[in-house]
Each structure stands twice: as C-alpha cells, then as structure tokens.
Protein backbone atom coordinates (compact mmCIF):
# COMPACT_ATOMS: atom_id res chain seq x y z
CA MET A 1 93.02 -158.06 -225.12
CA HIS A 2 92.20 -160.73 -222.86
CA GLN A 3 94.53 -163.13 -224.48
CA TYR A 4 97.36 -160.63 -224.18
CA GLU A 5 96.51 -160.19 -220.47
CA SER A 6 96.43 -163.97 -219.89
CA ASN A 7 99.75 -164.44 -221.60
CA THR A 8 101.35 -161.57 -219.58
CA ALA A 9 100.01 -163.07 -216.42
CA GLU A 10 101.49 -166.46 -217.14
CA SER A 11 104.50 -164.79 -218.26
CA ASN A 12 104.72 -163.00 -214.74
CA THR A 13 104.01 -166.10 -212.92
CA GLY A 14 106.85 -167.74 -214.61
CA ILE A 15 109.12 -164.90 -213.73
CA SER A 16 108.01 -165.08 -210.18
CA TYR A 17 108.71 -168.86 -209.83
CA LEU A 18 112.21 -168.35 -211.38
CA VAL A 19 113.15 -165.51 -209.05
CA LYS A 20 111.91 -167.69 -206.15
CA ALA A 21 113.98 -170.46 -207.30
CA GLN A 22 117.09 -168.23 -207.73
CA ILE A 23 116.61 -166.70 -204.33
CA LEU A 24 116.18 -170.24 -202.71
CA THR A 25 119.37 -171.46 -204.51
CA ILE A 26 121.21 -168.60 -203.16
CA LEU A 27 120.05 -169.24 -199.80
CA ILE A 28 120.93 -172.86 -199.90
CA LEU A 29 124.47 -172.09 -201.10
CA PHE A 30 125.08 -169.42 -198.51
CA SER A 31 123.69 -171.67 -195.76
CA THR A 32 126.08 -174.48 -196.89
CA VAL A 33 129.10 -172.34 -197.09
CA SER A 34 128.23 -170.58 -193.76
CA PHE A 35 128.00 -174.00 -191.90
CA ALA A 36 130.77 -176.05 -193.99
CA GLN A 37 132.93 -176.14 -191.02
CA LYS A 38 130.47 -176.54 -188.39
CA THR A 39 130.28 -180.38 -187.85
CA GLU A 40 130.47 -180.20 -184.18
CA GLY A 41 128.26 -178.50 -181.54
CA THR A 42 125.09 -178.32 -179.58
CA ILE A 43 121.51 -177.77 -180.75
CA ARG A 44 118.78 -176.46 -178.19
CA TYR A 45 115.25 -177.82 -179.18
CA LEU A 46 112.01 -176.20 -177.90
CA ASN A 47 109.56 -179.12 -177.13
CA THR A 48 105.90 -178.01 -177.25
CA SER A 49 103.21 -180.59 -176.32
CA ASN A 50 99.37 -180.09 -176.75
CA TYR A 51 97.40 -182.63 -174.56
CA ILE A 52 94.22 -182.11 -176.23
CA LYS A 53 95.67 -182.75 -179.67
CA MET A 54 97.42 -185.82 -178.29
CA MET A 55 93.77 -186.88 -177.12
CA ALA A 56 92.29 -185.94 -180.46
CA SER A 57 94.86 -188.07 -182.30
CA ILE A 58 93.66 -191.53 -180.50
CA ASP A 59 91.10 -193.11 -183.01
CA TYR A 60 89.54 -195.19 -180.24
CA LEU A 61 88.41 -192.14 -178.11
CA SER A 62 85.09 -190.52 -178.74
CA LYS A 63 84.64 -186.88 -179.39
CA LYS A 64 82.77 -186.51 -176.07
CA ASP A 65 85.79 -187.92 -174.40
CA VAL A 66 88.19 -185.33 -176.06
CA GLU A 67 86.02 -182.58 -175.22
CA LYS A 68 85.60 -183.55 -171.68
CA GLU A 69 89.27 -183.56 -171.36
CA ALA A 70 89.56 -180.01 -173.04
CA TYR A 71 87.14 -178.60 -170.50
CA VAL A 72 89.11 -180.17 -167.51
CA TRP A 73 92.50 -179.12 -168.86
CA GLY A 74 91.63 -175.66 -170.28
CA ASN A 75 94.56 -173.34 -170.87
CA ARG A 76 96.90 -175.74 -169.12
CA ALA A 77 96.77 -178.41 -172.07
CA GLU A 78 100.09 -177.08 -173.48
CA GLY A 79 103.50 -177.53 -172.01
CA LYS A 80 106.95 -176.48 -172.94
CA SER A 81 110.50 -177.91 -172.31
CA TYR A 82 113.91 -177.93 -173.76
CA GLY A 83 116.02 -180.86 -175.17
CA LEU A 84 119.63 -180.91 -176.19
CA LEU A 85 121.37 -182.65 -179.12
CA TYR A 86 125.22 -183.04 -179.08
CA PHE A 87 126.77 -183.80 -182.51
CA ASN A 88 129.79 -184.23 -184.65
CA ALA A 89 130.29 -185.56 -188.06
CA THR A 90 129.21 -189.14 -187.18
CA GLN A 91 127.59 -189.12 -183.81
CA THR A 92 124.73 -187.55 -181.80
CA LYS A 93 123.51 -187.71 -178.19
CA TYR A 94 119.95 -186.19 -177.19
CA GLU A 95 118.72 -185.78 -173.72
CA ASP A 96 116.14 -183.48 -171.74
CA SER A 97 117.63 -180.25 -170.80
CA GLU A 98 117.45 -178.92 -167.07
CA GLU A 99 116.89 -175.53 -168.42
CA SER A 100 113.13 -174.36 -167.79
CA ALA A 101 111.17 -173.36 -171.03
CA GLU A 102 108.25 -172.09 -168.91
CA LYS A 103 108.16 -169.19 -166.50
CA ASP A 104 106.04 -171.02 -163.99
CA ASP A 105 108.11 -174.16 -164.12
CA ARG A 106 109.95 -174.66 -160.85
CA GLY A 107 112.13 -177.21 -161.92
CA TYR A 108 110.88 -180.19 -160.17
CA SER A 109 113.65 -182.61 -160.69
CA TRP A 110 111.45 -185.56 -159.57
CA ARG A 111 109.34 -185.18 -162.74
CA ARG A 112 112.39 -185.80 -165.09
CA SER A 113 112.85 -189.49 -166.28
CA VAL A 114 115.68 -191.04 -167.71
CA TYR A 115 115.86 -190.59 -171.50
CA THR A 116 119.29 -190.53 -173.26
CA ILE A 117 119.34 -191.35 -176.91
CA THR A 118 122.81 -192.10 -178.75
CA ARG A 119 123.67 -192.67 -182.29
CA ASP A 120 126.91 -193.58 -184.04
CA PHE A 121 126.31 -193.49 -187.66
CA GLY A 122 129.98 -194.46 -188.44
CA LYS A 123 129.47 -197.73 -186.63
CA ASN A 124 125.69 -198.06 -187.32
CA THR A 125 124.87 -198.71 -183.71
CA MET A 126 122.52 -197.02 -181.12
CA LYS A 127 122.68 -197.20 -177.18
CA ASP A 128 119.37 -195.48 -175.54
CA ALA A 129 118.59 -195.12 -171.86
CA ILE A 130 114.74 -194.94 -171.54
CA ASP A 131 112.36 -194.93 -168.70
CA LEU A 132 109.27 -197.15 -169.80
CA LEU A 133 106.44 -198.21 -167.74
CA ASN A 134 108.41 -197.40 -164.23
CA LYS A 135 111.44 -199.32 -165.49
CA THR A 136 114.80 -198.37 -167.04
CA TYR A 137 115.89 -199.94 -170.16
CA ILE A 138 119.21 -199.77 -171.87
CA ILE A 139 118.39 -200.56 -175.62
CA GLU A 140 121.54 -201.57 -177.67
CA ASP A 141 121.44 -202.46 -181.32
CA SER A 142 122.14 -201.68 -185.00
CA LEU A 143 120.33 -198.68 -186.52
CA ARG A 144 117.22 -199.30 -188.39
CA ALA A 145 115.92 -195.88 -189.78
CA PRO A 146 112.19 -194.96 -190.32
CA LYS A 147 110.89 -195.20 -193.90
CA TRP A 148 110.86 -191.66 -194.65
CA LYS A 149 108.98 -190.43 -197.77
CA ILE A 150 110.97 -187.18 -198.91
CA LEU A 151 108.66 -184.33 -199.60
CA THR A 152 109.46 -181.11 -201.66
CA GLU A 153 108.65 -178.06 -199.31
CA MET A 154 111.31 -175.89 -197.90
CA LYS A 155 111.66 -173.54 -195.14
CA GLU A 156 114.04 -171.69 -192.89
CA ILE A 157 114.80 -172.98 -189.45
CA ALA A 158 117.17 -171.50 -186.97
CA GLY A 159 119.01 -169.83 -189.98
CA HIS A 160 119.22 -173.02 -191.93
CA ILE A 161 117.41 -174.05 -195.25
CA CYS A 162 115.44 -177.18 -194.52
CA MET A 163 113.44 -179.69 -196.75
CA ASN A 164 110.70 -182.02 -195.28
CA ALA A 165 109.94 -185.62 -195.11
CA PHE A 166 107.03 -187.88 -193.92
CA TRP A 167 106.85 -191.03 -191.80
CA ASN A 168 103.64 -192.78 -190.78
CA ASP A 169 104.48 -194.45 -187.41
CA THR A 170 102.19 -197.38 -187.48
CA LEU A 171 103.29 -198.59 -183.90
CA LYS A 172 102.53 -195.24 -182.14
CA LYS A 173 99.74 -194.14 -184.59
CA GLN A 174 101.73 -191.00 -185.36
CA LYS A 175 102.06 -188.84 -188.56
CA VAL A 176 105.26 -187.46 -188.34
CA VAL A 177 106.83 -184.57 -190.60
CA ALA A 178 110.46 -183.81 -190.20
CA TRP A 179 112.55 -180.85 -191.43
CA TYR A 180 116.21 -181.63 -192.15
CA ALA A 181 119.19 -179.09 -192.71
CA LEU A 182 120.30 -179.56 -196.34
CA ASP A 183 123.73 -178.20 -195.15
CA ILE A 184 124.48 -180.12 -191.94
CA LYS A 185 125.41 -183.58 -193.24
CA ASN A 186 124.54 -185.63 -190.05
CA ASN A 187 121.59 -188.48 -189.98
CA GLY A 188 120.60 -187.57 -186.63
CA GLY A 189 117.92 -185.73 -185.10
CA PRO A 190 116.06 -185.00 -181.66
CA GLU A 191 114.28 -187.69 -179.61
CA ARG A 192 114.66 -191.07 -181.71
CA PHE A 193 114.14 -189.40 -185.04
CA PHE A 194 117.00 -190.08 -187.48
CA GLY A 195 117.81 -191.43 -190.89
CA LEU A 196 117.53 -188.35 -193.30
CA SER A 197 120.28 -186.93 -195.31
CA GLY A 198 120.68 -183.81 -193.20
CA LEU A 199 120.26 -183.22 -189.35
CA ILE A 200 116.54 -182.87 -188.40
CA LEU A 201 115.88 -179.32 -187.01
CA GLU A 202 111.91 -179.78 -186.47
CA VAL A 203 109.52 -182.54 -185.84
CA ASN A 204 105.46 -182.14 -186.08
CA ILE A 205 103.75 -185.24 -184.73
CA ASN A 206 100.12 -185.51 -185.34
CA ASP A 207 99.48 -182.04 -186.62
CA GLY A 208 101.06 -180.33 -183.70
CA ALA A 209 100.39 -182.57 -180.98
CA ILE A 210 104.09 -182.43 -180.40
CA MET A 211 106.35 -179.88 -181.87
CA ILE A 212 110.06 -180.15 -181.57
CA THR A 213 111.88 -177.07 -183.15
CA ALA A 214 115.62 -176.17 -182.90
CA ASP A 215 115.80 -172.45 -181.65
CA LYS A 216 119.45 -172.35 -180.86
CA ILE A 217 122.63 -173.87 -182.71
CA GLU A 218 125.91 -173.53 -181.12
CA GLU A 219 129.16 -174.53 -182.94
CA LYS A 220 131.68 -175.77 -180.09
CA LYS A 221 134.37 -178.24 -179.53
CA LEU A 222 132.97 -181.23 -177.43
CA THR A 223 134.81 -183.15 -175.03
CA THR A 224 132.71 -185.79 -173.09
CA GLU A 225 129.22 -184.62 -174.06
CA LEU A 226 128.75 -187.57 -176.59
CA ASP A 227 129.71 -190.29 -174.07
CA PHE A 228 126.91 -192.49 -172.70
CA PRO A 229 126.36 -191.67 -168.91
CA LYS A 230 128.16 -194.40 -166.74
CA LYS A 231 125.66 -193.61 -163.92
CA ILE A 232 122.62 -194.93 -165.71
CA LYS A 233 121.79 -198.55 -164.99
CA GLY A 234 118.83 -200.65 -166.37
CA LYS A 235 117.66 -203.75 -168.11
CA LYS A 236 119.61 -204.42 -171.41
CA ILE A 237 117.18 -205.06 -174.32
CA LYS A 238 117.14 -205.14 -178.16
CA GLU A 239 115.13 -202.62 -180.15
CA ASN A 240 112.63 -205.74 -180.86
CA ASP A 241 112.20 -206.13 -177.25
CA TYR A 242 111.36 -202.48 -176.84
CA VAL A 243 108.95 -202.39 -179.60
CA GLY A 244 107.32 -205.62 -178.21
CA ILE A 245 106.65 -203.86 -174.88
CA LEU A 246 104.99 -200.79 -176.62
CA LYS A 247 102.80 -203.17 -178.88
CA LYS A 248 101.45 -204.93 -175.72
CA TYR A 249 100.98 -201.71 -173.69
CA PHE A 250 99.09 -200.08 -176.70
CA ALA A 251 96.95 -203.08 -177.21
CA GLU A 252 95.97 -203.14 -173.37
CA LYS A 253 95.19 -199.40 -173.55
CA ARG A 254 93.04 -199.81 -176.57
CA LYS A 255 90.99 -202.53 -174.96
CA MET A 256 90.39 -200.32 -171.84
CA GLU A 257 89.66 -197.25 -174.16
CA GLN A 258 92.40 -195.21 -172.10
CA PRO A 259 95.02 -192.73 -173.35
CA PRO A 260 98.49 -194.60 -173.69
CA PHE A 261 100.36 -191.47 -172.58
CA TRP A 262 101.22 -192.28 -168.84
CA GLY A 263 104.37 -194.04 -168.45
CA ILE A 264 105.71 -193.83 -172.03
CA ARG A 265 107.18 -190.95 -174.06
CA TYR A 266 104.67 -189.87 -176.58
C-alpha cells in the first residue's frame, strides 16, 4: 500500500511538472506572437531604492553603523522614481523621467542630475552622459557587455515571460539579478545594464537595495526620442577612464570607512 501511494505521488508530481511546462510553453508562444511586431516603443521603469539595504551591502561598515543609519532614516529609507527607456530593433536610450513616483515628491528639478544612456547594438557603440562627482562626463566607446551567467527561473513581468541571469559586479561590489523578456529581441535594458538575448525588464541589485521594474510598455513610433541630447556638454572620456574614476573613489571611501553613495549613481 505504501509503495503504491509513493508511486502514485511520484506519478502525480511528474504530471504536475509536465502541466506546468506545457502552460509555460503556451505563455511563451503567446507572448512571442503578441509582441512579434512590437520592435519600437517606450518602457517606464519604477526604480525603488532602499538606503538601509544599500548600507548593509557595504562590507567595510559595521553592523552598528548600519543600525544607526536605520534608526536615523526610519521609514524615510525608501525612495521611488521613474526611468524611461526608448527602444527600436537595434537601439536604446535610457534617462530619468520627470514624472513623480511618490505622492510627496514636489518635483524639485534641481535634484535631477545628468543621466542619459544610449546603446547602438547595430554599430556596437555607446554614448552616455553622466554626472559623476560634480562633473559631467560624455562616455563614448565600443560596447563591452557584463559577463552574465544565465539562470533557469522564469516569471511574468509587465505581461512578458522573462528568464533571469546573474552578474557579479566586482567594481561596485554588487550582486545583480536581471530578468529579460524572451520575446523582445533587443540587447538593452535600464540604466547601464545590457548584453542579454532579450530586453531587460527588471534588475535587482544587492537583494533589493535597488529594484528597477518595468511597469508600463507602450508600442509607438519614435521620431527623435533615440537621439542623444545636443544640449548636454561634458568632458569626453572612454569607458576605461570612467572605471578608473570609480576605482579611485571607492578606494578613498573604503579607506575613510564612508558610504560611497554621494556624488555617484548606485
């Protein structure tokens, strides 16, 4: 009797896995067909930052320091904002949105820094404008994608079936999990994340210190949205120069045992 029950349970489990696999296959096919023509449009991302989790991810800060910051910040530790990604078959441009994501955000424009990230996958080039340590830099170079490790989990984000991937950012000391759409064949994503076989719709940095999630996808014909803004001026550098500035800054902050959040993008 026990043997029969065991075999039956195993059989039911096998059927359950098969049903789940079939459902997932149907969802993927439906998603692929429904988005087959959507190769151009905009994506709005909700960016949620948790200052206490950001502090906790710094390996040279003590538990006491983190607890102190948690007490000081209290329920003000979490912040929300929107980002916009414009995309077509071979290009993307990401920038901060002027739309408020918080009810009590009064839209202080002086808080917004320069941050425009462009990718041309057809030409394998990038051109970014970033405010870094009170200076504006224009980074122009060829594309060098992060070394992603493809994982096997799947979930739905903004109506699209996504698979996850992992990247250990040794420069910023960040563990990054990205979820990319299986049906949107674009190698881009929000912020400076790119290099997967589908458009990245969600990024989780250091277990929720930063969450970037697509919450609205709109198919539309773009005109000048993908153009790099002509009004932005700054010092032109290469990607290696940008990395060098960050390395020096992180080393200084580690030596002083201070958080490396002020003046740079987390």
